[in-house]
Protein backbone atom coordinates (compact mmCIF):
# COMPACT_ATOMS: atom_id res chain seq x y z
CA MET A 1 0.00 0.00 0.00
CA ASN A 2 1.17 3.53 -0.80
CA ARG A 3 1.00 6.19 1.88
CA TYR A 4 0.77 9.99 2.02
CA LEU A 5 1.99 11.48 5.30
CA ILE A 6 1.29 15.05 6.47
CA THR A 7 2.78 16.37 9.69
CA GLU A 8 4.90 19.09 11.29
CA TYR A 9 8.66 18.52 11.50
CA GLU A 10 11.04 21.11 12.98
CA LYS A 11 8.06 23.54 13.09
CA LYS A 12 7.55 23.19 9.34
CA MET A 13 4.55 21.65 7.59
CA VAL A 14 5.82 18.71 5.52
CA SER A 15 4.39 15.87 3.46
CA VAL A 16 6.01 12.62 2.34
CA TYR A 17 4.72 10.21 -0.29
CA TYR A 18 5.70 6.56 0.19
CA GLU A 19 5.55 3.85 -2.46
CA LYS A 20 5.55 0.48 -0.67
CA ASP A 21 7.19 2.00 2.43
CA VAL A 22 9.93 3.77 0.43
CA ALA A 23 9.85 7.59 0.60
CA MET A 24 9.73 8.97 -2.96
CA ASP A 25 8.51 12.58 -2.70
CA ILE A 26 9.04 15.18 0.03
CA GLU A 27 7.52 18.65 0.15
CA VAL A 28 7.84 21.47 2.66
CA HIS A 29 4.65 23.52 2.65
CA ALA A 30 5.36 27.14 3.47
CA HIS A 31 3.25 30.15 2.48
CA THR A 32 2.12 29.54 -1.10
CA THR A 33 0.62 31.71 -3.82
CA LEU A 34 0.17 28.93 -6.38
CA ASN A 35 -3.28 28.75 -8.05
CA ALA A 36 -4.55 31.89 -6.31
CA ILE A 37 -7.01 33.80 -8.52
CA CYS A 38 -6.77 37.59 -8.27
CA ILE A 39 -7.78 40.86 -9.80
CA ALA A 40 -4.41 42.38 -10.73
CA LYS A 41 -3.41 45.90 -11.69
CA VAL A 42 -0.96 46.29 -14.58
CA LYS A 43 1.99 48.23 -13.18
CA ASN A 44 4.51 48.09 -16.00
CA ILE A 45 4.74 46.85 -19.58
CA VAL A 46 8.17 45.90 -20.94
CA GLU A 47 7.86 45.77 -24.72
CA ASN A 48 11.31 44.32 -25.49
CA ILE A 49 10.59 41.13 -23.51
CA ALA A 50 6.88 41.06 -24.40
CA ALA A 51 5.85 41.00 -20.76
CA ALA A 52 3.95 42.97 -18.16
CA PHE A 53 4.34 43.15 -14.41
CA VAL A 54 1.07 43.04 -12.53
CA GLU A 55 0.38 43.66 -8.85
CA VAL A 56 -1.69 41.19 -6.85
CA GLU A 57 -2.58 40.91 -3.18
CA ILE A 58 -2.58 37.46 -1.58
CA CYS A 59 -3.24 36.90 2.12
CA GLY A 60 -2.60 40.57 2.87
CA GLU A 61 0.71 40.77 0.98
CA ARG A 62 1.15 42.69 -2.26
CA GLU A 63 3.43 41.18 -4.88
CA LEU A 64 4.54 41.92 -8.43
CA CYS A 65 4.06 39.03 -10.87
CA TYR A 66 5.49 38.35 -14.31
CA TYR A 67 2.80 38.20 -17.02
CA ASN A 68 3.94 36.84 -20.41
CA LEU A 69 2.24 38.72 -23.25
CA LYS A 70 3.13 36.08 -25.86
CA GLU A 71 1.42 33.33 -23.89
CA ASN A 72 -1.45 35.52 -22.67
CA LYS A 73 -2.94 37.16 -25.74
CA VAL A 74 -6.54 37.29 -24.48
CA HIS A 75 -6.87 39.28 -21.26
CA LEU A 76 -9.76 39.01 -18.79
CA TYR A 77 -10.62 42.64 -18.06
CA THR A 78 -12.90 43.33 -15.10
CA ASP A 79 -14.71 46.14 -16.89
CA GLU A 80 -16.93 45.44 -19.89
CA ARG A 81 -15.29 47.95 -22.22
CA GLU A 82 -13.39 47.02 -25.37
CA HIS A 83 -9.61 47.29 -25.08
CA GLN A 84 -7.31 47.70 -28.06
CA LYS A 85 -4.19 46.83 -26.11
CA LEU A 86 -3.12 46.05 -22.54
CA LYS A 87 -1.81 49.17 -20.83
CA GLU A 88 -0.61 50.34 -17.44
CA GLY A 89 -3.46 50.80 -14.96
CA ASP A 90 -5.68 48.12 -16.53
CA GLU A 91 -7.30 45.65 -14.14
CA ILE A 92 -7.33 42.03 -15.24
CA ILE A 93 -8.12 38.63 -13.72
CA VAL A 94 -5.11 36.33 -13.37
CA GLN A 95 -4.16 33.06 -11.73
CA ILE A 96 -0.73 32.41 -10.21
CA SER A 97 0.69 29.62 -12.37
CA LYS A 98 4.20 29.46 -10.94
CA GLU A 99 5.65 30.44 -7.58
CA ALA A 100 8.62 32.77 -7.13
CA VAL A 101 11.93 30.94 -7.59
CA LYS A 102 15.16 32.56 -6.36
CA THR A 103 15.19 36.06 -7.91
CA LYS A 104 12.37 35.34 -10.38
CA ALA A 105 8.94 36.82 -9.65
CA PRO A 106 5.82 34.64 -9.47
CA MET A 107 4.21 34.00 -12.84
CA ALA A 108 0.62 35.07 -13.52
CA SER A 109 -1.58 33.67 -16.27
CA ALA A 110 -4.84 34.66 -17.97
CA HIS A 111 -5.68 30.95 -18.26
CA ILE A 112 -7.98 30.62 -15.24
CA CYS A 113 -8.82 27.08 -14.21
CA MET A 114 -10.40 25.06 -11.42
CA THR A 115 -8.83 21.73 -10.48
CA GLY A 116 -10.81 18.77 -9.21
CA TRP A 117 -10.07 15.11 -8.63
CA TYR A 118 -10.87 13.94 -12.15
CA CYS A 119 -10.62 17.05 -14.29
CA VAL A 120 -9.40 20.60 -14.73
CA VAL A 121 -11.99 23.09 -15.98
CA SER A 122 -11.26 26.37 -17.76
CA LEU A 123 -13.07 28.78 -20.09
CA GLY A 124 -13.78 27.34 -23.52
CA HIS A 125 -16.38 26.06 -25.95
CA GLY A 126 -16.98 22.46 -24.92
CA GLU A 127 -13.56 21.04 -25.79
CA ILE A 128 -12.63 17.77 -24.06
CA ARG A 129 -8.94 16.90 -23.72
CA PHE A 130 -7.02 14.25 -21.81
CA SER A 131 -3.83 13.91 -19.79
CA SER A 132 -0.94 12.72 -21.97
CA LYS A 133 -0.51 9.84 -19.51
CA ILE A 134 -3.84 8.34 -20.61
CA ARG A 135 -2.93 6.28 -23.69
CA ASP A 136 -6.17 4.29 -24.12
CA GLN A 137 -7.57 5.89 -27.29
CA GLU A 138 -10.72 3.75 -27.31
CA TRP A 139 -11.63 4.88 -23.78
CA LYS A 140 -10.90 8.52 -24.66
CA ASN A 141 -13.14 8.37 -27.73
CA GLN A 142 -15.93 6.83 -25.66
CA ILE A 143 -15.70 9.46 -22.90
CA ARG A 144 -15.49 12.30 -25.41
CA GLU A 145 -18.62 11.01 -27.14
CA GLU A 146 -20.58 10.55 -23.90
CA ILE A 147 -19.61 13.90 -22.35
CA SER A 148 -20.35 15.77 -25.60
CA HIS A 149 -24.08 15.15 -24.98
CA PHE A 150 -23.95 17.29 -21.82
CA PRO A 151 -24.12 21.12 -21.97
CA LEU A 152 -20.58 22.59 -22.00
CA GLU A 153 -21.07 25.94 -23.74
CA GLU A 154 -18.71 28.12 -21.71
CA ILE A 155 -16.11 25.69 -20.41
CA GLN A 156 -13.57 23.12 -21.57
CA ILE A 157 -12.45 19.99 -19.74
CA LEU A 158 -9.05 18.40 -19.29
CA CYS A 159 -9.45 14.87 -17.91
CA ARG A 160 -6.69 14.12 -15.41
CA THR A 161 -4.94 10.76 -15.00
CA ASN A 162 -7.27 10.02 -12.08
CA ALA A 163 -10.22 10.09 -14.50
CA TYR A 164 -9.13 6.95 -16.34
CA GLN A 165 -11.85 4.26 -16.18
CA ILE A 166 -14.21 6.66 -14.36
CA SER A 167 -17.70 7.06 -15.84
CA ALA A 168 -18.57 10.03 -18.04
CA GLU A 169 -21.40 10.95 -15.65
CA LYS A 170 -19.00 11.22 -12.71
CA ILE A 171 -16.46 13.26 -14.67
CA TYR A 172 -19.17 15.60 -15.97
CA ALA A 173 -20.71 16.05 -12.51
CA GLU A 174 -17.38 17.30 -11.19
CA ALA A 175 -16.78 19.43 -14.29
CA LYS A 176 -20.24 21.03 -13.94
CA LYS A 177 -19.60 21.90 -10.30
CA LEU A 178 -16.16 23.37 -11.08
CA GLY A 179 -17.48 25.21 -14.14
CA ASP A 180 -20.31 26.86 -12.20
CA LYS A 181 -17.84 27.91 -9.52
CA LEU A 182 -15.48 29.39 -12.12
CA LEU A 183 -18.17 31.31 -14.01
CA ASN A 184 -19.69 32.72 -10.81
CA LEU A 185 -16.25 33.84 -9.64
CA LEU A 186 -15.58 35.65 -12.93
CA ARG A 187 -19.01 37.33 -12.88
CA ASP A 188 -18.50 38.57 -9.30
CA ALA A 189 -15.10 40.00 -10.26
CA LYS A 190 -16.82 42.69 -12.35
CA TYR A 191 -17.96 44.40 -9.14
CA LYS A 192 -14.53 44.43 -7.47
CA SER A 193 -11.32 46.39 -7.99
CA ALA A 194 -7.62 45.55 -7.94
CA PRO A 195 -5.84 44.22 -6.06
CA THR A 196 -8.43 41.71 -4.83
CA LEU A 197 -8.03 38.04 -3.98
CA LEU A 198 -10.90 36.11 -5.60
CA GLN A 199 -9.81 32.62 -4.58
CA ALA A 200 -7.17 31.80 -1.98
CA PRO A 201 -4.26 29.54 -2.96
CA THR A 202 -4.78 25.84 -2.34
CA PRO A 203 -2.60 24.46 0.49
CA GLY A 204 0.35 22.57 -0.96
CA TYR A 205 -0.56 19.29 0.69
CA MET A 206 -4.06 19.45 -0.83
CA THR A 207 -2.64 20.10 -4.31
CA SER A 208 -0.26 17.15 -3.94
CA MET A 209 -3.04 14.92 -2.62
CA GLN A 210 -5.14 15.64 -5.72
CA LYS A 211 -2.40 14.01 -7.82
CA LEU A 212 -2.65 10.70 -5.96
CA LYS A 213 -4.39 7.70 -7.45
CA GLU A 214 -7.50 6.72 -5.51
CA GLU A 215 -6.75 3.03 -5.24
CA ASP A 216 -4.49 1.49 -2.59
CA ILE A 217 -3.57 4.72 -0.75
CA GLU A 218 -3.52 5.63 2.92
CA ILE A 219 -3.43 9.26 4.10
CA VAL A 220 -2.03 9.76 7.59
CA THR A 221 -1.75 12.97 9.64
CA ASP A 222 -1.45 13.88 13.29
CA LEU A 223 -2.84 17.39 12.70
CA PRO A 224 -6.59 17.55 13.54
CA LYS A 225 -7.28 20.64 11.38
CA VAL A 226 -5.58 19.08 8.36
CA TYR A 227 -7.43 15.82 8.96
CA GLN A 228 -10.78 17.63 9.05
CA GLU A 229 -10.00 19.69 5.94
CA ILE A 230 -9.03 16.60 3.95
CA LYS A 231 -12.00 14.61 5.25
CA GLU A 232 -14.48 17.31 4.20
CA TYR A 233 -12.90 17.53 0.75
CA LEU A 234 -12.90 13.75 0.19
CA LEU A 235 -16.51 13.45 1.36
CA GLU A 236 -17.54 16.28 -0.97
CA GLN A 237 -15.76 14.51 -3.84
CA LYS A 238 -17.31 11.17 -2.78
CA SER A 239 -13.82 9.73 -3.02
CA PRO A 240 -13.13 6.20 -1.72
CA MET A 241 -9.86 7.60 -0.34
CA VAL A 242 -11.77 8.79 2.72
CA GLU A 243 -11.69 5.17 3.90
CA GLY A 244 -7.89 5.34 4.02
CA LEU A 245 -7.73 8.67 5.87
CA LYS A 246 -6.35 8.31 9.41
CA LEU A 247 -5.77 10.71 12.29
CA TYR A 248 -2.69 9.51 14.20
CA GLU A 249 -3.20 10.02 17.94
CA ASP A 250 -0.61 7.77 19.67
CA GLU A 251 1.06 9.86 22.40
CA MET A 252 3.74 7.24 23.10
CA ILE A 253 5.62 7.84 19.85
CA SER A 254 5.32 10.79 17.49
CA LEU A 255 4.46 10.39 13.82
CA CYS A 256 7.85 11.90 12.91
CA ALA A 257 9.67 9.30 15.02
CA LEU A 258 7.51 6.44 13.75
CA TYR A 259 8.43 7.21 10.14
CA GLY A 260 12.03 8.26 10.83
CA LEU A 261 11.69 11.74 9.36
CA LYS A 262 14.92 12.93 11.00
CA SER A 263 17.08 10.45 9.08
CA LEU A 264 14.98 10.88 5.91
CA PHE A 265 15.50 14.65 5.82
CA ALA A 266 19.18 14.24 6.76
CA GLU A 267 19.67 11.99 3.72
CA ALA A 268 17.61 14.14 1.36
CA LEU A 269 19.50 17.32 2.31
CA SER A 270 22.96 15.71 2.39
CA LYS A 271 25.56 15.95 -0.36
CA LYS A 272 26.48 12.24 -0.06
CA VAL A 273 24.04 9.33 -0.39
CA TRP A 274 25.14 5.77 0.42
CA LEU A 275 24.15 2.75 -1.66
CA LYS A 276 23.43 -0.72 -0.25
CA SER A 277 26.49 -2.13 -2.05
CA GLY A 278 28.78 0.25 -0.17
CA GLY A 279 29.13 2.69 -3.05
CA TYR A 280 27.81 6.23 -2.83
CA LEU A 281 26.57 9.22 -4.82
CA VAL A 282 27.85 12.77 -4.49
CA ILE A 283 25.15 15.22 -5.59
CA GLU A 284 26.43 18.68 -6.54
CA PRO A 285 23.89 21.33 -7.59
CA THR A 286 25.31 24.32 -9.48
CA GLU A 287 23.70 27.40 -10.99
CA ALA A 288 23.51 25.83 -14.47
CA LEU A 289 23.00 22.12 -13.79
CA THR A 290 23.27 19.29 -11.25
CA VAL A 291 26.11 16.77 -11.33
CA ILE A 292 25.84 13.33 -9.70
CA ASP A 293 29.11 11.45 -9.25
CA VAL A 294 29.02 7.67 -8.68
CA ASN A 295 31.72 6.09 -6.51
CA THR A 296 32.42 2.44 -5.58
CA GLY A 297 33.30 3.25 -1.95
CA LYS A 298 33.16 0.22 0.39
CA THR A 299 31.95 -2.33 -2.15
CA ASP A 300 32.31 -6.10 -1.71
CA VAL A 301 35.94 -7.10 -2.40
CA LYS A 302 34.83 -10.71 -3.19
CA MET A 303 33.26 -9.55 -6.44
CA SER A 304 35.24 -9.00 -9.63
CA LYS A 305 35.94 -5.43 -10.75
CA GLU A 306 33.45 -5.73 -13.62
CA GLU A 307 30.70 -7.15 -11.37
CA THR A 308 31.35 -4.42 -8.79
CA ILE A 309 31.07 -1.67 -11.41
CA GLN A 310 27.88 -3.08 -12.95
CA ARG A 311 26.19 -3.61 -9.58
CA THR A 312 27.17 -0.15 -8.33
CA ASN A 313 26.00 1.55 -11.52
CA ARG A 314 22.64 -0.24 -11.44
CA GLU A 315 22.09 0.77 -7.82
CA ALA A 316 23.23 4.30 -8.64
CA ALA A 317 20.73 4.62 -11.51
CA LEU A 318 17.84 3.61 -9.25
CA MET A 319 19.00 5.82 -6.39
CA ALA A 320 19.67 8.83 -8.65
CA ALA A 321 16.12 8.68 -10.04
CA ARG A 322 14.76 8.50 -6.47
CA GLN A 323 16.95 11.35 -5.23
CA LEU A 324 15.81 13.62 -8.07
CA ARG A 325 12.26 13.15 -6.82
CA LEU A 326 13.08 13.45 -3.12
CA ARG A 327 15.13 16.62 -3.60
CA ASN A 328 12.93 18.00 -6.42
CA ILE A 329 16.00 18.60 -8.57
CA SER A 330 15.17 20.00 -12.00
CA GLY A 331 16.81 21.34 -15.13
CA ILE A 332 19.82 19.60 -16.67
CA ILE A 333 21.31 16.69 -14.72
CA LEU A 334 24.53 14.83 -15.55
CA ILE A 335 25.44 11.49 -13.96
CA ASP A 336 29.05 10.33 -14.02
CA PHE A 337 28.69 6.55 -13.77
CA ILE A 338 31.76 4.35 -13.26
CA ASP A 339 33.67 3.19 -16.37
CA MET A 340 30.98 3.55 -19.04
CA THR A 341 33.20 2.66 -22.02
CA ASP A 342 31.31 -0.59 -22.72
CA SER A 343 28.38 0.22 -25.06
CA GLN A 344 26.22 -2.71 -23.87
CA HIS A 345 26.59 -1.66 -20.23
CA ARG A 346 25.78 1.95 -21.16
CA ARG A 347 22.62 0.80 -22.94
CA GLU A 348 21.56 -1.34 -19.96
CA ILE A 349 22.04 1.57 -17.52
CA PHE A 350 20.32 4.02 -19.86
CA GLU A 351 17.24 1.77 -20.22
CA LEU A 352 17.09 1.24 -16.45
CA LEU A 353 17.33 4.99 -15.84
CA SER A 354 14.65 5.71 -18.47
CA ARG A 355 12.22 3.25 -16.87
CA GLU A 356 12.71 4.78 -13.44
CA LEU A 357 12.26 8.34 -14.69
CA LYS A 358 8.93 7.40 -16.29
CA LYS A 359 7.61 6.65 -12.79
CA ASP A 360 8.26 10.25 -11.75
CA ARG A 361 5.14 12.39 -11.29
CA VAL A 362 7.11 15.30 -12.77
CA LYS A 363 8.18 15.06 -16.42
CA ALA A 364 11.72 13.64 -16.45
CA VAL A 365 13.58 12.41 -19.54
CA ALA A 366 16.83 10.49 -20.00
CA VAL A 367 18.38 12.17 -23.06
CA ASP A 368 21.55 10.21 -23.92
CA PHE A 369 25.17 9.69 -23.01
CA THR A 370 27.49 12.56 -23.92
CA SER A 371 30.78 12.08 -25.80
CA LEU A 372 32.44 11.89 -22.37
CA HIS A 373 30.09 9.04 -21.35
CA LEU A 374 28.09 11.17 -18.91
CA ALA A 375 24.39 10.32 -18.69
CA GLU A 376 22.37 13.44 -19.53
CA MET A 377 18.77 13.97 -18.44
CA THR A 378 16.28 16.75 -17.84
CA ARG A 379 13.53 17.22 -15.27
CA GLN A 380 10.76 19.80 -15.43
CA LYS A 381 10.89 22.62 -12.90
CA LEU A 382 7.57 23.15 -11.14
CA ARG A 383 8.62 24.06 -7.59
CA PRO A 384 11.81 25.05 -5.75
CA THR A 385 14.21 22.29 -4.73
CA LEU A 386 13.73 20.59 -1.37
CA PHE A 387 16.74 22.50 -0.03
CA GLU A 388 15.17 25.82 -1.07
CA GLN A 389 11.77 24.80 0.33
CA TRP A 390 13.38 23.87 3.66
CA ARG A 391 15.50 27.03 3.81
CA ASP A 392 12.65 29.40 2.97
CA ALA A 393 9.86 27.80 5.03
């Protein structure tokens, strides 16, 4: 059984996702702006980068956000007048699509959407799309046909991975509820001025929970308020996951101690990671990329050199893929495996690495080996690294 753990550790709200008792994803949930919907005031337009900077107010704090004019060509003005061009002082409705990272401002988008368990709803004309992870074309055609009979004049639907094998009626029921909520919110915005928060950001642990598959999952927390919030949401969604929701109340041993969070965080924030064989990884983030160096370390001397190298590299490939998830490392990653001159061994390691990266909930791709026999890969950046989350929480 997989498990999603939510608790406080070192006075920080954290969540850990376990696959068969192995921690795979860690998040530190500090103040978030992600998915907040706001009325923003255009403060500055920078023509040479085709962008505007808009001011929003979230939870009492005002913040400037980057607004890409190439990606956002249709603006949601709060007044009903015609606008030839976006200009300073205009008030528009935006949603925070990306949090601030290092020196980069948060990113705002005109693509306003509501996320549910099975689908994401946005403004449109009845279009029905599907997550790229759903490959069953016959099922997609069937759902598209069945949902097309329902009224969808002002919205479009993106069916999430969780929607696979769910009935069209259930998907539409959620889409209808989200669509009504979205349209009412946009109508109400016409009577408000900037900067106004129309919808508060979703807590990080709730956003992460929405990505979980409903089957074979247990959600555990020792925080009564979080437990109640999740319970109400799951009951509203009529999700079977409510059966696996547990409030941990044992006073003899804390939830953090029970799951060994101290050692887990120590490993995930450390430069060196040991392998079972006695080898180890050294993970070095830089400004441009992340380098992972594989070392044999204290490996079994009874094995031949070739066997030692192959075993260490296989372990390293599995561990590297896991550490990318745990640490939320993104961008370009290079792995310096041991003695990769043999083409067959390189192919074996590359295929193993590719399979592991496909399990990642964030898009991660093994690219190839470079001319220097370094494994090159990329991983999509959605949130700050675990180190940055921990430091800034």
